[in-house]
Amino acid sequence: MQISRITFISLFVALVAGHPTLYERQTITIPKIPEIPAVPEVPAVPEVHKRQQTITVPKIPDIPAVPEVPDVPQVQKRQQTITIPTIPTVPDVPAVPSPHPKAHA
C-alpha cells in the first residue's frame, strides 16, 4: 500500500501534535559567554633597506707544484727450471699374517 507524500506528512503532524511525549517544548538556558578582549594591534614592521657591503678575501698563496715521479722500470719476467729428483720405487712388502686369525674371519 502506497500513500502520497502529503498524506504521510499530514499523518505525522497529527501524530506528533496529539502525542505529548513525542514532542514537548523544552527551555534550554545557555550560559553567557564572557567577552574576549580585543587583540592589541601589532605595530608595523619598519621596511628593511638593502645595503651593499664589500668583503675583501685574502689571496690564497700558491701551492708549490708536486715534482714528477720518475718512471718505474719494468720488471722482466724470468724463467727458472727446477729439477725434481725421481723418487725411487719402494719394493712390495709381503703381507704379514695376523696373530689373531679370528679377527679376519
Protein backbone atom coordinates (compact mmCIF):
# COMPACT_ATOMS: atom_id res chain seq x y z
CA MET A 1 0.00 0.00 0.00
CA GLN A 2 1.39 3.35 -1.02
CA ILE A 3 0.37 6.71 0.39
CA SER A 4 1.18 10.07 -1.04
CA ARG A 5 3.80 12.28 0.48
CA ILE A 6 1.25 14.90 1.56
CA THR A 7 -0.86 12.26 3.33
CA PHE A 8 2.22 10.94 5.16
CA ILE A 9 3.22 14.43 6.33
CA SER A 10 -0.36 15.17 7.48
CA LEU A 11 -0.50 11.92 9.48
CA PHE A 12 2.91 12.59 11.01
CA VAL A 13 1.96 16.13 12.10
CA ALA A 14 -1.31 14.85 13.60
CA LEU A 15 0.54 12.10 15.47
CA VAL A 16 3.18 14.46 16.87
CA ALA A 17 0.59 17.09 17.84
CA GLY A 18 -1.65 14.52 19.57
CA HIS A 19 1.14 12.74 21.46
CA PRO A 20 2.69 14.98 24.16
CA THR A 21 5.65 12.67 24.90
CA LEU A 22 6.86 12.72 21.31
CA TYR A 23 7.07 16.48 21.14
CA GLU A 24 7.48 18.56 24.24
CA ARG A 25 8.67 22.09 24.43
CA GLN A 26 11.85 22.43 26.48
CA THR A 27 13.59 25.55 27.68
CA ILE A 28 17.34 25.40 27.46
CA THR A 29 19.41 28.03 29.25
CA ILE A 30 22.67 28.79 27.50
CA PRO A 31 25.24 30.37 29.83
CA LYS A 32 26.54 33.77 28.78
CA ILE A 33 29.90 33.53 27.07
CA PRO A 34 32.32 36.09 28.50
CA GLU A 35 33.59 38.65 26.05
CA ILE A 36 37.02 38.02 24.67
CA PRO A 37 39.20 41.12 24.94
CA ALA A 38 40.32 42.59 21.64
CA VAL A 39 43.82 41.70 20.49
CA PRO A 40 46.05 44.79 20.52
CA GLU A 41 47.22 45.92 17.12
CA VAL A 42 50.68 44.82 16.14
CA PRO A 43 52.89 47.77 15.20
CA ALA A 44 54.04 47.83 11.61
CA VAL A 45 57.49 46.41 10.98
CA PRO A 46 59.80 49.05 9.51
CA GLU A 47 60.91 48.31 5.98
CA VAL A 48 64.43 46.96 5.67
CA HIS A 49 66.65 48.70 3.16
CA LYS A 50 69.24 46.64 1.33
CA ARG A 51 72.76 47.83 1.75
CA GLN A 52 75.83 46.93 -0.22
CA GLN A 53 78.93 45.68 1.52
CA THR A 54 82.37 44.95 0.11
CA ILE A 55 84.23 41.99 1.54
CA THR A 56 87.95 41.58 0.82
CA VAL A 57 89.06 37.97 0.57
CA PRO A 58 92.78 37.49 1.31
CA LYS A 59 94.84 36.00 -1.51
CA ILE A 60 95.49 32.29 -1.09
CA PRO A 61 99.22 31.54 -1.52
CA ASP A 62 100.18 29.35 -4.45
CA ILE A 63 100.73 25.71 -3.59
CA PRO A 64 104.08 24.54 -5.00
CA ALA A 65 103.83 22.02 -7.78
CA VAL A 66 104.46 18.39 -6.88
CA PRO A 67 107.65 17.13 -8.57
CA GLU A 68 107.13 14.49 -11.23
CA VAL A 69 107.67 10.92 -10.14
CA PRO A 70 110.23 9.15 -12.36
CA ASP A 71 109.02 6.16 -14.35
CA VAL A 72 109.48 2.84 -12.61
CA PRO A 73 111.48 0.45 -14.81
CA GLN A 74 109.53 -2.57 -15.96
CA VAL A 75 110.38 -5.84 -14.27
CA GLN A 76 111.43 -8.54 -16.71
CA LYS A 77 109.89 -11.94 -16.13
CA ARG A 78 112.48 -14.67 -15.97
CA GLN A 79 112.04 -18.35 -16.36
CA GLN A 80 113.65 -20.80 -13.98
CA THR A 81 113.92 -24.53 -14.41
CA ILE A 82 113.79 -26.67 -11.30
CA THR A 83 114.74 -30.34 -11.49
CA ILE A 84 112.87 -32.59 -9.09
CA PRO A 85 114.77 -35.81 -8.39
CA THR A 86 112.98 -39.07 -9.17
CA ILE A 87 111.64 -40.83 -6.09
CA PRO A 88 112.83 -44.45 -6.05
CA THR A 89 110.14 -47.13 -6.22
CA VAL A 90 109.52 -48.94 -2.92
CA PRO A 91 109.50 -52.73 -3.36
CA ASP A 92 106.33 -54.60 -2.42
CA VAL A 93 106.37 -55.89 1.16
CA PRO A 94 104.81 -59.32 1.68
CA ALA A 95 101.73 -59.36 3.91
CA VAL A 96 102.34 -60.42 7.50
CA PRO A 97 99.87 -62.99 8.78
CA SER A 98 97.69 -61.71 11.65
CA PRO A 99 98.36 -63.09 15.12
CA HIS A 100 94.57 -63.14 15.62
CA PRO A 101 93.14 -65.27 12.82
CA LYS A 102 89.56 -64.90 14.21
CA ALA A 103 89.60 -61.10 13.68
CA HIS A 104 89.64 -61.58 9.88
CA ALA A 105 87.13 -64.41 9.75
